[in-house]
Amino acid sequence: MNKEITFYINNMAYTINVDDTMEEHLTKYLELGKNNDTKDLLAAYIRITQEYTKFKGDVEQISDKLARF
C-alpha cells in the first residue's frame, strides 16, 4: 500500500509517495516530523551507500562461487 511521507530538510517540506518497505528504509537514518539539516541528509546517503556497496560485494562473491560449479 502506498502512502505519503514528509521529510523536513532545512525547514522545507519534501513529500514523497512510498510503500511500507521503502518507508522503513528511508526512515532508518532520517527522522520524520523533525527538521533534518543537509548534514543529516548527507550522512544518511553515505550510510545507505555503504550498505549497498557491502551488499553488492557479498552478491559478487556468491556469484563467483556459484560460477565455479
N, C-alpha and C. Protein backbone atom coordinates (compact mmCIF):
# COMPACT_ATOMS: atom_id res chain seq x y z
N MET A 1 0.85 -1.18 0.00
CA MET A 1 0.00 0.00 0.00
C MET A 1 0.89 1.24 0.00
N ASN A 2 0.63 2.17 -0.86
CA ASN A 2 1.40 3.41 -0.94
C ASN A 2 0.83 4.45 0.00
N LYS A 3 1.74 5.25 0.53
CA LYS A 3 1.31 6.36 1.37
C LYS A 3 2.32 7.49 1.22
N GLU A 4 1.93 8.68 1.63
CA GLU A 4 2.80 9.83 1.55
C GLU A 4 3.51 10.03 2.87
N ILE A 5 4.82 10.30 2.78
CA ILE A 5 5.57 10.68 3.97
C ILE A 5 6.27 12.00 3.67
N THR A 6 6.47 12.77 4.71
CA THR A 6 7.08 14.09 4.55
C THR A 6 8.34 14.19 5.39
N PHE A 7 9.42 14.57 4.73
CA PHE A 7 10.67 14.87 5.41
C PHE A 7 10.84 16.38 5.44
N TYR A 8 11.45 16.87 6.50
CA TYR A 8 11.76 18.29 6.61
C TYR A 8 13.28 18.44 6.57
N ILE A 9 13.76 19.07 5.50
CA ILE A 9 15.18 19.30 5.30
C ILE A 9 15.39 20.81 5.23
N ASN A 10 16.18 21.32 6.15
CA ASN A 10 16.45 22.76 6.22
C ASN A 10 15.17 23.59 6.20
N ASN A 11 14.22 23.17 7.02
CA ASN A 11 12.93 23.86 7.19
C ASN A 11 12.07 23.89 5.93
N MET A 12 12.32 22.97 5.01
CA MET A 12 11.47 22.84 3.83
C MET A 12 10.90 21.43 3.82
N ALA A 13 9.63 21.30 3.46
CA ALA A 13 8.96 20.01 3.46
C ALA A 13 9.09 19.34 2.10
N TYR A 14 9.42 18.05 2.12
CA TYR A 14 9.52 17.24 0.91
C TYR A 14 8.63 16.02 1.12
N THR A 15 7.57 15.91 0.35
CA THR A 15 6.62 14.82 0.47
C THR A 15 6.80 13.87 -0.70
N ILE A 16 6.89 12.57 -0.38
CA ILE A 16 7.04 11.54 -1.41
C ILE A 16 6.07 10.42 -1.15
N ASN A 17 5.77 9.67 -2.20
CA ASN A 17 4.89 8.52 -2.15
C ASN A 17 5.74 7.26 -2.04
N VAL A 18 5.52 6.43 -1.03
CA VAL A 18 6.32 5.22 -0.83
C VAL A 18 5.44 4.06 -0.36
N ASP A 19 5.97 2.84 -0.49
CA ASP A 19 5.30 1.69 0.11
C ASP A 19 5.91 1.46 1.50
N ASP A 20 5.37 0.49 2.24
CA ASP A 20 5.81 0.27 3.62
C ASP A 20 7.29 -0.08 3.72
N THR A 21 7.77 -0.91 2.80
CA THR A 21 9.17 -1.33 2.83
C THR A 21 10.09 -0.14 2.59
N MET A 22 9.75 0.67 1.61
CA MET A 22 10.57 1.84 1.29
C MET A 22 10.57 2.82 2.45
N GLU A 23 9.43 2.99 3.10
CA GLU A 23 9.35 3.89 4.25
C GLU A 23 10.31 3.43 5.34
N GLU A 24 10.34 2.14 5.59
CA GLU A 24 11.24 1.60 6.61
C GLU A 24 12.69 1.93 6.31
N HIS A 25 13.09 1.78 5.06
CA HIS A 25 14.47 2.07 4.67
C HIS A 25 14.78 3.56 4.74
N LEU A 26 13.85 4.39 4.31
CA LEU A 26 14.08 5.83 4.30
C LEU A 26 14.14 6.43 5.71
N THR A 27 13.33 5.89 6.60
CA THR A 27 13.29 6.45 7.95
C THR A 27 14.32 5.81 8.87
N LYS A 28 15.12 4.92 8.34
CA LYS A 28 16.17 4.29 9.14
C LYS A 28 17.19 5.32 9.60
N TYR A 29 17.52 6.28 8.76
CA TYR A 29 18.54 7.26 9.08
C TYR A 29 18.04 8.71 9.11
N LEU A 30 16.81 8.95 8.67
CA LEU A 30 16.23 10.29 8.73
C LEU A 30 14.93 10.24 9.51
N GLU A 31 14.73 11.20 10.38
CA GLU A 31 13.53 11.21 11.21
C GLU A 31 12.40 12.00 10.54
N LEU A 32 11.21 11.44 10.63
CA LEU A 32 10.01 12.17 10.18
C LEU A 32 9.59 13.11 11.31
N GLY A 33 9.01 14.23 10.96
CA GLY A 33 8.49 15.14 11.98
C GLY A 33 9.56 15.95 12.67
N LYS A 34 10.81 15.81 12.25
CA LYS A 34 11.92 16.58 12.82
C LYS A 34 12.60 17.30 11.68
N ASN A 35 13.04 18.51 11.92
CA ASN A 35 13.79 19.22 10.89
C ASN A 35 15.19 18.63 10.81
N ASN A 36 15.50 18.02 9.70
CA ASN A 36 16.84 17.50 9.44
C ASN A 36 17.61 18.55 8.66
N ASP A 37 18.91 18.62 8.88
CA ASP A 37 19.67 19.56 8.07
C ASP A 37 20.41 18.81 6.96
N THR A 38 21.08 19.55 6.13
CA THR A 38 21.78 18.95 4.99
C THR A 38 22.80 17.92 5.44
N LYS A 39 23.44 18.17 6.57
CA LYS A 39 24.42 17.24 7.12
C LYS A 39 23.77 15.88 7.42
N ASP A 40 22.55 15.90 7.99
CA ASP A 40 21.83 14.65 8.27
C ASP A 40 21.51 13.90 6.98
N LEU A 41 21.09 14.64 5.96
CA LEU A 41 20.75 14.04 4.67
C LEU A 41 21.98 13.40 4.03
N LEU A 42 23.10 14.09 4.07
CA LEU A 42 24.34 13.55 3.52
C LEU A 42 24.80 12.32 4.30
N ALA A 43 24.72 12.37 5.62
CA ALA A 43 25.11 11.22 6.44
C ALA A 43 24.23 10.01 6.13
N ALA A 44 22.93 10.21 5.95
CA ALA A 44 22.02 9.11 5.61
C ALA A 44 22.38 8.53 4.25
N TYR A 45 22.67 9.39 3.29
CA TYR A 45 23.06 8.94 1.95
C TYR A 45 24.33 8.10 2.01
N ILE A 46 25.31 8.55 2.78
CA ILE A 46 26.57 7.81 2.89
C ILE A 46 26.35 6.46 3.55
N ARG A 47 25.54 6.40 4.59
CA ARG A 47 25.27 5.12 5.27
C ARG A 47 24.57 4.14 4.33
N ILE A 48 23.59 4.62 3.58
CA ILE A 48 22.88 3.74 2.65
C ILE A 48 23.81 3.29 1.53
N THR A 49 24.67 4.17 1.06
CA THR A 49 25.65 3.81 0.03
C THR A 49 26.61 2.75 0.55
N GLN A 50 27.04 2.87 1.80
CA GLN A 50 27.92 1.86 2.40
C GLN A 50 27.22 0.51 2.48
N GLU A 51 25.95 0.51 2.89
CA GLU A 51 25.18 -0.74 2.96
C GLU A 51 25.07 -1.37 1.57
N TYR A 52 24.77 -0.56 0.57
CA TYR A 52 24.63 -1.06 -0.79
C TYR A 52 25.94 -1.64 -1.30
N THR A 53 27.05 -0.95 -1.04
CA THR A 53 28.35 -1.41 -1.51
C THR A 53 28.72 -2.74 -0.88
N LYS A 54 28.45 -2.89 0.41
CA LYS A 54 28.73 -4.16 1.09
C LYS A 54 27.85 -5.27 0.52
N PHE A 55 26.57 -4.98 0.33
CA PHE A 55 25.65 -5.95 -0.23
C PHE A 55 26.09 -6.37 -1.63
N LYS A 56 26.47 -5.40 -2.45
CA LYS A 56 26.92 -5.69 -3.81
C LYS A 56 28.16 -6.58 -3.79
N GLY A 57 29.09 -6.30 -2.90
CA GLY A 57 30.29 -7.13 -2.77
C GLY A 57 29.95 -8.56 -2.36
N ASP A 58 29.02 -8.70 -1.43
CA ASP A 58 28.59 -10.03 -0.99
C ASP A 58 27.95 -10.81 -2.13
N VAL A 59 27.11 -10.15 -2.91
CA VAL A 59 26.45 -10.80 -4.05
C VAL A 59 27.48 -11.22 -5.10
N GLU A 60 28.46 -10.36 -5.34
CA GLU A 60 29.51 -10.71 -6.31
C GLU A 60 30.33 -11.91 -5.85
N GLN A 61 30.63 -11.98 -4.56
CA GLN A 61 31.37 -13.13 -4.03
C GLN A 61 30.56 -14.42 -4.19
N ILE A 62 29.29 -14.36 -3.90
CA ILE A 62 28.42 -15.53 -4.05
C ILE A 62 28.33 -15.92 -5.52
N SER A 63 28.18 -14.94 -6.39
CA SER A 63 28.10 -15.21 -7.83
C SER A 63 29.39 -15.88 -8.33
N ASP A 64 30.53 -15.41 -7.85
CA ASP A 64 31.82 -16.00 -8.25
C ASP A 64 31.92 -17.45 -7.79
N LYS A 65 31.46 -17.72 -6.58
CA LYS A 65 31.48 -19.09 -6.04
C LYS A 65 30.56 -19.99 -6.85
N LEU A 66 29.38 -19.47 -7.21
CA LEU A 66 28.42 -20.27 -7.97
C LEU A 66 28.91 -20.53 -9.40
N ALA A 67 29.66 -19.60 -9.95
CA ALA A 67 30.16 -19.76 -11.31
C ALA A 67 31.16 -20.90 -11.41
N ARG A 68 31.80 -21.25 -10.32
CA ARG A 68 32.77 -22.36 -10.33
C ARG A 68 32.10 -23.71 -10.47
N PHE A 69 30.83 -23.80 -10.16
CA PHE A 69 30.14 -25.11 -10.22
C PHE A 69 29.68 -25.42 -11.59
